[in-house]
PDB file of N, CA and C in Angstrom:
ATOM      1  N   MET A   1     171.063  20.953  13.401  1.00  0.00           N
ATOM      2  CA  MET A   1     172.179  21.640  14.922  1.00  0.00           C
ATOM      3  C   MET A   1     173.890  21.654  15.465  1.00  0.00           C
ATOM      4  N   LYS A   2     174.347  22.500  15.772  1.00  0.00           N
ATOM      5  CA  LYS A   2     175.795  22.075  15.862  1.00  0.00           C
ATOM      6  C   LYS A   2     175.945  21.329  17.102  1.00  0.00           C
ATOM      7  N   PRO A   3     176.910  20.654  17.247  1.00  0.00           N
ATOM      8  CA  PRO A   3     177.496  19.549  18.449  1.00  0.00           C
ATOM      9  C   PRO A   3     178.036  20.505  19.665  1.00  0.00           C
ATOM     10  N   ARG A   4     177.646  20.581  21.155  1.00  0.00           N
ATOM     11  CA  ARG A   4     178.442  21.256  21.661  1.00  0.00           C
ATOM     12  C   ARG A   4     178.432  22.727  22.071  1.00  0.00           C
ATOM     13  N   ILE A   5     176.693  23.266  21.447  1.00  0.00           N
ATOM     14  CA  ILE A   5     177.009  24.717  21.737  1.00  0.00           C
ATOM     15  C   ILE A   5     175.442  24.927  22.294  1.00  0.00           C
ATOM     16  N   HIS A   6     174.648  23.836  22.118  1.00  0.00           N
ATOM     17  CA  HIS A   6     173.455  23.742  22.776  1.00  0.00           C
ATOM     18  C   HIS A   6     173.189  23.853  24.336  1.00  0.00           C
ATOM     19  N   PRO A   7     172.803  24.460  25.420  1.00  0.00           N
ATOM     20  CA  PRO A   7     172.700  23.797  27.307  1.00  0.00           C
ATOM     21  C   PRO A   7     172.119  22.556  27.162  1.00  0.00           C
ATOM     22  N   VAL A   8     171.954  22.392  28.751  1.00  0.00           N
ATOM     23  CA  VAL A   8     172.095  21.063  28.849  1.00  0.00           C
ATOM     24  C   VAL A   8     170.186  20.896  29.316  1.00  0.00           C
ATOM     25  N   SER A   9     169.328  20.516  28.708  1.00  0.00           N
ATOM     26  CA  SER A   9     167.865  20.529  29.071  1.00  0.00           C
ATOM     27  C   SER A   9     167.367  19.422  30.112  1.00  0.00           C
ATOM     28  N   ARG A  10     167.286  19.555  31.328  1.00  0.00           N
ATOM     29  CA  ARG A  10     166.459  18.494  32.512  1.00  0.00           C
ATOM     30  C   ARG A  10     165.475  19.299  32.925  1.00  0.00           C
ATOM     31  N   PRO A  11     165.048  18.198  33.577  1.00  0.00           N
ATOM     32  CA  PRO A  11     163.442  18.299  33.909  1.00  0.00           C
ATOM     33  C   PRO A  11     163.931  18.288  35.656  1.00  0.00           C
ATOM     34  N   VAL A  12     163.475  19.836  35.893  1.00  0.00           N
ATOM     35  CA  VAL A  12     163.187  20.808  36.739  1.00  0.00           C
ATOM     36  C   VAL A  12     161.996  21.476  37.505  1.00  0.00           C
ATOM     37  N   VAL A  13     161.849  21.279  38.906  1.00  0.00           N
ATOM     38  CA  VAL A  13     161.008  21.609  39.333  1.00  0.00           C
ATOM     39  C   VAL A  13     160.745  23.424  39.934  1.00  0.00           C
ATOM     40  N   PHE A  14     159.743  23.499  39.427  1.00  0.00           N
ATOM     41  CA  PHE A  14     159.371  25.332  39.311  1.00  0.00           C
ATOM     42  C   PHE A  14     158.317  25.454  40.722  1.00  0.00           C
ATOM     43  N   ARG A  15     158.512  25.990  41.546  1.00  0.00           N
ATOM     44  CA  ARG A  15     157.893  25.843  43.084  1.00  0.00           C
ATOM     45  C   ARG A  15     157.043  27.437  43.404  1.00  0.00           C
ATOM     46  N   ASP A  16     155.936  27.876  42.878  1.00  0.00           N
ATOM     47  CA  ASP A  16     155.748  29.206  43.358  1.00  0.00           C
ATOM     48  C   ASP A  16     155.157  29.304  44.794  1.00  0.00           C
ATOM     49  N   ARG A  17     156.036  30.291  44.588  1.00  0.00           N
ATOM     50  CA  ARG A  17     156.106  30.850  46.334  1.00  0.00           C
ATOM     51  C   ARG A  17     154.841  31.278  47.015  1.00  0.00           C
ATOM     52  N   ALA A  18     154.367  32.491  46.006  1.00  0.00           N
ATOM     53  CA  ALA A  18     153.078  32.621  46.342  1.00  0.00           C
ATOM     54  C   ALA A  18     151.716  32.052  46.109  1.00  0.00           C
ATOM     55  N   GLY A  19     151.362  31.146  45.362  1.00  0.00           N
ATOM     56  CA  GLY A  19     150.666  29.897  45.107  1.00  0.00           C
ATOM     57  C   GLY A  19     150.433  28.966  45.544  1.00  0.00           C
ATOM     58  N   GLY A  20     151.624  28.430  45.827  1.00  0.00           N
ATOM     59  CA  GLY A  20     151.576  27.484  46.404  1.00  0.00           C
ATOM     60  C   GLY A  20     152.160  26.025  45.719  1.00  0.00           C
ATOM     61  N   ALA A  21     151.611  26.391  43.960  1.00  0.00           N
ATOM     62  CA  ALA A  21     151.860  25.562  43.461  1.00  0.00           C
ATOM     63  C   ALA A  21     153.299  24.557  42.847  1.00  0.00           C
ATOM     64  N   ALA A  22     153.548  23.565  42.438  1.00  0.00           N
ATOM     65  CA  ALA A  22     154.605  23.511  41.397  1.00  0.00           C
ATOM     66  C   ALA A  22     153.893  23.228  40.457  1.00  0.00           C
ATOM     67  N   PHE A  23     154.969  22.485  39.296  1.00  0.00           N
ATOM     68  CA  PHE A  23     154.880  22.058  38.334  1.00  0.00           C
ATOM     69  C   PHE A  23     156.407  21.535  37.502  1.00  0.00           C
ATOM     70  N   LEU A  24     156.133  20.546  36.989  1.00  0.00           N
ATOM     71  CA  LEU A  24     157.656  19.484  36.325  1.00  0.00           C
ATOM     72  C   LEU A  24     157.507  20.072  35.367  1.00  0.00           C
ATOM     73  N   THR A  25     159.064  20.776  34.716  1.00  0.00           N
ATOM     74  CA  THR A  25     159.092  20.827  33.180  1.00  0.00           C
ATOM     75  C   THR A  25     160.385  21.170  33.347  1.00  0.00           C
ATOM     76  N   ARG A  26     160.688  21.340  31.843  1.00  0.00           N
ATOM     77  CA  ARG A  26     161.798  20.911  31.293  1.00  0.00           C
ATOM     78  C   ARG A  26     162.860  22.544  31.025  1.00  0.00           C
ATOM     79  N   SER A  27     164.073  22.805  31.619  1.00  0.00           N
ATOM     80  CA  SER A  27     164.231  24.028  31.582  1.00  0.00           C
ATOM     81  C   SER A  27     166.301  23.644  31.624  1.00  0.00           C
ATOM     82  N   THR A  28     167.054  24.734  31.577  1.00  0.00           N
ATOM     83  CA  THR A  28     168.076  24.934  31.589  1.00  0.00           C
ATOM     84  C   THR A  28     168.872  25.338  32.710  1.00  0.00           C
ATOM     85  N   ALA A  29     168.021  25.755  33.429  1.00  0.00           N
ATOM     86  CA  ALA A  29     168.147  25.854  34.371  1.00  0.00           C
ATOM     87  C   ALA A  29     168.664  24.999  35.469  1.00  0.00           C
ATOM     88  N   ASP A  30     169.328  25.266  36.459  1.00  0.00           N
ATOM     89  CA  ASP A  30     169.769  24.474  37.174  1.00  0.00           C
ATOM     90  C   ASP A  30     169.796  25.004  39.067  1.00  0.00           C
ATOM     91  N   SER A  31     169.333  24.325  40.162  1.00  0.00           N
ATOM     92  CA  SER A  31     169.617  24.154  41.608  1.00  0.00           C
ATOM     93  C   SER A  31     170.090  23.476  42.132  1.00  0.00           C
ATOM     94  N   ASP A  32     170.882  24.001  43.272  1.00  0.00           N
ATOM     95  CA  ASP A  32     171.748  23.190  44.434  1.00  0.00           C
ATOM     96  C   ASP A  32     170.270  22.546  45.172  1.00  0.00           C
ATOM     97  N   GLN A  33     169.038  23.114  45.047  1.00  0.00           N
ATOM     98  CA  GLN A  33     168.644  22.786  46.227  1.00  0.00           C
ATOM     99  C   GLN A  33     167.629  21.131  45.555  1.00  0.00           C
ATOM    100  N   ARG A  34     167.152  20.811  45.947  1.00  0.00           N
ATOM    101  CA  ARG A  34     166.600  19.228  45.659  1.00  0.00           C
ATOM    102  C   ARG A  34     164.729  19.029  45.969  1.00  0.00           C
ATOM    103  N   VAL A  35     164.465  18.183  45.295  1.00  0.00           N
ATOM    104  CA  VAL A  35     162.966  17.851  45.651  1.00  0.00           C
ATOM    105  C   VAL A  35     162.395  16.473  45.602  1.00  0.00           C
ATOM    106  N   GLU A  36     161.310  15.584  46.087  1.00  0.00           N
ATOM    107  CA  GLU A  36     161.236  15.001  45.923  1.00  0.00           C
ATOM    108  C   GLU A  36     159.433  15.153  45.007  1.00  0.00           C
ATOM    109  N   TRP A  37     159.713  14.629  44.159  1.00  0.00           N
ATOM    110  CA  TRP A  37     158.423  14.442  43.043  1.00  0.00           C
ATOM    111  C   TRP A  37     157.569  13.798  43.106  1.00  0.00           C
ATOM    112  N   GLU A  38     155.919  13.550  42.493  1.00  0.00           N
ATOM    113  CA  GLU A  38     155.801  12.369  42.929  1.00  0.00           C
ATOM    114  C   GLU A  38     155.621  11.233  42.009  1.00  0.00           C
ATOM    115  N   ASP A  39     156.503  11.384  41.612  1.00  0.00           N
ATOM    116  CA  ASP A  39     156.871  10.027  40.549  1.00  0.00           C
ATOM    117  C   ASP A  39     157.570   9.526  41.535  1.00  0.00           C
ATOM    118  N   GLY A  40     158.206  10.178  42.856  1.00  0.00           N
ATOM    119  CA  GLY A  40     159.308   9.181  43.321  1.00  0.00           C
ATOM    120  C   GLY A  40     160.572   9.869  43.520  1.00  0.00           C
ATOM    121  N   ASN A  41     160.603  10.235  41.661  1.00  0.00           N
ATOM    122  CA  ASN A  41     162.016  10.700  41.553  1.00  0.00           C
ATOM    123  C   ASN A  41     162.797  12.334  42.490  1.00  0.00           C
ATOM    124  N   THR A  42     163.763  12.497  42.099  1.00  0.00           N
ATOM    125  CA  THR A  42     164.489  14.049  42.757  1.00  0.00           C
ATOM    126  C   THR A  42     164.634  14.789  41.830  1.00  0.00           C
ATOM    127  N   TYR A  43     164.125  15.762  41.836  1.00  0.00           N
ATOM    128  CA  TYR A  43     165.100  16.679  40.949  1.00  0.00           C
ATOM    129  C   TYR A  43     164.972  18.474  41.458  1.00  0.00           C
ATOM    130  N   PRO A  44     166.083  19.111  40.708  1.00  0.00           N
ATOM    131  CA  PRO A  44     166.257  20.254  41.399  1.00  0.00           C
ATOM    132  C   PRO A  44     164.937  20.964  41.106  1.00  0.00           C
ATOM    133  N   VAL A  45     164.865  22.508  42.456  1.00  0.00           N
ATOM    134  CA  VAL A  45     163.499  22.519  42.433  1.00  0.00           C
ATOM    135  C   VAL A  45     163.849  24.328  42.566  1.00  0.00           C
ATOM    136  N   ILE A  46     163.617  25.361  41.876  1.00  0.00           N
ATOM    137  CA  ILE A  46     163.603  26.842  41.674  1.00  0.00           C
ATOM    138  C   ILE A  46     161.980  27.317  41.776  1.00  0.00           C
ATOM    139  N   ASP A  47     162.718  28.119  42.776  1.00  0.00           N
ATOM    140  CA  ASP A  47     160.867  28.881  43.791  1.00  0.00           C
ATOM    141  C   ASP A  47     161.245  30.056  43.154  1.00  0.00           C
ATOM    142  N   VAL A  48     160.132  30.275  42.737  1.00  0.00           N
ATOM    143  CA  VAL A  48     159.457  31.523  42.028  1.00  0.00           C
ATOM    144  C   VAL A  48     158.299  32.391  42.920  1.00  0.00           C
ATOM    145  N   GLU A  49     158.561  34.017  42.745  1.00  0.00           N
ATOM    146  CA  GLU A  49     158.207  34.776  43.104  1.00  0.00           C
ATOM    147  C   GLU A  49     156.359  34.179  43.129  1.00  0.00           C
ATOM    148  N   ILE A  50     156.428  34.666  41.627  1.00  0.00           N
ATOM    149  CA  ILE A  50     154.779  34.113  40.978  1.00  0.00           C
ATOM    150  C   ILE A  50     154.798  33.601  39.553  1.00  0.00           C
ATOM    151  N   SER A  51     153.318  32.973  39.800  1.00  0.00           N
ATOM    152  CA  SER A  51     153.613  32.138  37.782  1.00  0.00           C
ATOM    153  C   SER A  51     151.763  32.118  37.611  1.00  0.00           C
ATOM    154  N   SER A  52     151.417  31.545  36.581  1.00  0.00           N
ATOM    155  CA  SER A  52     150.212  31.106  36.154  1.00  0.00           C
ATOM    156  C   SER A  52     149.271  31.110  37.465  1.00  0.00           C
ATOM    157  N   ALA A  53     149.505  30.238  38.107  1.00  0.00           N
ATOM    158  CA  ALA A  53     149.162  29.672  39.555  1.00  0.00           C
ATOM    159  C   ALA A  53     148.538  30.589  40.327  1.00  0.00           C
ATOM    160  N   SER A  54     148.997  31.815  40.493  1.00  0.00           N
ATOM    161  CA  SER A  54     149.332  32.880  41.726  1.00  0.00           C
ATOM    162  C   SER A  54     148.736  34.400  40.519  1.00  0.00           C
ATOM    163  N   HIS A  55     149.013  34.757  39.663  1.00  0.00           N
ATOM    164  CA  HIS A  55     149.037  35.835  38.432  1.00  0.00           C
ATOM    165  C   HIS A  55     147.898  36.326  38.840  1.00  0.00           C
ATOM    166  N   PRO A  56     147.022  37.753  38.847  1.00  0.00           N
ATOM    167  CA  PRO A  56     145.694  38.134  38.714  1.00  0.00           C
ATOM    168  C   PRO A  56     145.627  37.783  37.449  1.00  0.00           C
ATOM    169  N   PHE A  57     146.344  37.962  36.043  1.00  0.00           N
ATOM    170  CA  PHE A  57     145.266  37.926  34.749  1.00  0.00           C
ATOM    171  C   PHE A  57     145.161  36.341  34.715  1.00  0.00           C
ATOM    172  N   TYR A  58     146.112  35.419  34.718  1.00  0.00           N
ATOM    173  CA  TYR A  58     145.682  34.032  35.325  1.00  0.00           C
ATOM    174  C   TYR A  58     144.008  33.782  35.848  1.00  0.00           C
ATOM    175  N   THR A  59     144.359  34.024  37.340  1.00  0.00           N
ATOM    176  CA  THR A  59     143.204  33.762  38.080  1.00  0.00           C
ATOM    177  C   THR A  59     142.087  34.952  38.193  1.00  0.00           C
ATOM    178  N   GLY A  60     141.790  35.326  37.684  1.00  0.00           N
ATOM    179  CA  GLY A  60     140.838  36.548  36.979  1.00  0.00           C
ATOM    180  C   GLY A  60     140.290  37.196  38.618  1.00  0.00           C
ATOM    181  N   ARG A  61     141.847  37.368  39.169  1.00  0.00           N
ATOM    182  CA  ARG A  61     141.470  39.001  40.453  1.00  0.00           C
ATOM    183  C   ARG A  61     141.704  40.211  39.927  1.00  0.00           C
ATOM    184  N   GLY A  62     141.759  40.255  38.627  1.00  0.00           N
ATOM    185  CA  GLY A  62     142.952  41.725  38.125  1.00  0.00           C
ATOM    186  C   GLY A  62     141.540  42.509  37.807  1.00  0.00           C
ATOM    187  N   ARG A  63     142.250  43.737  38.107  1.00  0.00           N
ATOM    188  CA  ARG A  63     141.313  45.475  38.079  1.00  0.00           C
ATOM    189  C   ARG A  63     141.589  45.413  36.448  1.00  0.00           C
ATOM    190  N   VAL A  64     140.126  45.821  36.265  1.00  0.00           N
ATOM    191  CA  VAL A  64     139.928  46.488  35.242  1.00  0.00           C
ATOM    192  C   VAL A  64     139.828  48.049  34.833  1.00  0.00           C
ATOM    193  N   VAL A  65     141.006  48.709  33.838  1.00  0.00           N
ATOM    194  CA  VAL A  65     140.709  50.232  33.798  1.00  0.00           C
ATOM    195  C   VAL A  65     139.816  50.070  32.814  1.00  0.00           C
ATOM    196  N   ASP A  66     139.463  51.554  33.437  1.00  0.00           N
ATOM    197  CA  ASP A  66     137.712  52.287  32.321  1.00  0.00           C
ATOM    198  C   ASP A  66     138.290  52.873  31.987  1.00  0.00           C
ATOM    199  N   THR A  67     138.865  52.818  30.416  1.00  0.00           N
ATOM    200  CA  THR A  67     139.159  53.173  29.857  1.00  0.00           C
ATOM    201  C   THR A  67     137.726  54.203  28.658  1.00  0.00           C
ATOM    202  N   ALA A  68     137.021  53.687  28.823  1.00  0.00           N
ATOM    203  CA  ALA A  68     135.680  54.551  27.936  1.00  0.00           C
ATOM    204  C   ALA A  68     135.979  56.124  29.236  1.00  0.00           C
ATOM    205  N   GLY A  69     135.560  55.757  30.141  1.00  0.00           N
ATOM    206  CA  GLY A  69     135.786  57.006  31.356  1.00  0.00           C
ATOM    207  C   GLY A  69     137.352  58.247  30.794  1.00  0.00           C
ATOM    208  N   ARG A  70     137.578  57.220  30.368  1.00  0.00           N
ATOM    209  CA  ARG A  70     138.569  58.383  30.331  1.00  0.00           C
ATOM    210  C   ARG A  70     138.821  59.169  28.631  1.00  0.00           C
ATOM    211  N   VAL A  71     138.155  58.482  27.945  1.00  0.00           N
ATOM    212  CA  VAL A  71     138.064  58.837  26.483  1.00  0.00           C
ATOM    213  C   VAL A  71     136.809  60.227  26.465  1.00  0.00           C
ATOM    214  N   GLU A  72     135.905  59.289  27.753  1.00  0.00           N
ATOM    215  CA  GLU A  72     134.395  60.981  27.742  1.00  0.00           C
ATOM    216  C   GLU A  72     135.656  61.553  28.257  1.00  0.00           C
ATOM    217  N   ARG A  73     136.267  61.412  29.545  1.00  0.00           N
ATOM    218  CA  ARG A  73     136.660  62.915  29.805  1.00  0.00           C
ATOM    219  C   ARG A  73     137.567  63.590  29.263  1.00  0.00           C
ATOM    220  N   PHE A  74     138.282  63.279  28.044  1.00  0.00           N
ATOM    221  CA  PHE A  74     139.463  63.686  27.022  1.00  0.00           C
ATOM    222  C   PHE A  74     138.050  64.279  25.960  1.00  0.00           C
ATOM    223  N   GLU A  75     137.196  63.729  25.326  1.00  0.00           N
ATOM    224  CA  GLU A  75     136.445  64.585  24.739  1.00  0.00           C
ATOM    225  C   GLU A  75     135.691  65.471  25.224  1.00  0.00           C
ATOM    226  N   ARG A  76     135.230  65.492  26.370  1.00  0.00           N
ATOM    227  CA  ARG A  76     134.547  67.149  26.982  1.00  0.00           C
ATOM    228  C   ARG A  76     135.580  67.516  27.428  1.00  0.00           C
ATOM    229  N   ARG A  77     136.374  67.543  27.265  1.00  0.00           N
ATOM    230  CA  ARG A  77     137.721  68.759  27.724  1.00  0.00           C
ATOM    231  C   ARG A  77     138.214  69.390  26.577  1.00  0.00           C
ATOM    232  N   TYR A  78     138.442  68.362  25.328  1.00  0.00           N
ATOM    233  CA  TYR A  78     138.967  68.902  23.857  1.00  0.00           C
ATOM    234  C   TYR A  78     138.131  68.876  23.024  1.00  0.00           C
ATOM    235  N   GLY A  79     137.003  68.476  22.969  1.00  0.00           N
ATOM    236  CA  GLY A  79     135.597  68.447  22.210  1.00  0.00           C
ATOM    237  C   GLY A  79     136.086  67.573  21.129  1.00  0.00           C
ATOM    238  N   LYS A  80     135.240  66.411  20.299  1.00  0.00           N
ATOM    239  CA  LYS A  80     135.402  65.414  18.837  1.00  0.00           C
ATOM    240  C   LYS A  80     135.552  66.054  18.274  1.00  0.00           C
ATOM    241  N   ARG A  81     136.629  65.451  17.293  1.00  0.00           N
ATOM    242  CA  ARG A  81     136.540  65.879  16.112  1.00  0.00           C
ATOM    243  C   ARG A  81     135.934  65.702  15.026  1.00  0.00           C
ATOM    244  N   GLU A  82     135.895  66.795  14.577  1.00  0.00           N
ATOM    245  CA  GLU A  82     134.454  67.136  13.392  1.00  0.00           C
ATOM    246  C   GLU A  82     134.815  65.637  12.039  1.00  0.00           C
ATOM    247  N   ASN A  83     135.735  65.486  11.999  1.00  0.00           N
ATOM    248  CA  ASN A  83     136.268  64.454  10.565  1.00  0.00           C
ATOM    249  C   ASN A  83     137.574  63.754  11.456  1.00  0.00           C
ATOM    250  N   PRO A  84     136.573  62.678  11.431  1.00  0.00           N
ATOM    251  CA  PRO A  84     137.533  61.533  12.028  1.00  0.00           C
ATOM    252  C   PRO A  84     138.275  61.226  10.921  1.00  0.00           C
ATOM    253  N   THR A  85     138.511  61.221   9.565  1.00  0.00           N
ATOM    254  CA  THR A  85     139.515  60.408   8.952  1.00  0.00           C
ATOM    255  C   THR A  85     141.002  61.034   8.643  1.00  0.00           C
ATOM    256  N   ASP A  86     140.717  63.126   8.980  1.00  0.00           N
ATOM    257  CA  ASP A  86     142.251  63.560   8.690  1.00  0.00           C
ATOM    258  C   ASP A  86     143.134  63.193   9.729  1.00  0.00           C
TER     259      ASP A  86
END
């Protein structure tokens, strides 16, 4: 690695505003806001709108799209192919 070209990586707290969760990780991002973490140290905090704690894909609250109904409707409308390998 070349010296003096990489950004500084530091511990940062990311706080999910929607889910109320917070996690400590390393990042090159910095913030003027600070928060005291569970270990007693103070870290920069970055508020995010959504994270894995509140995203529907990770929480299981997402919708399932009915693709089978779309395929059947397409086949009724335009017919099935005679030879699907063509």
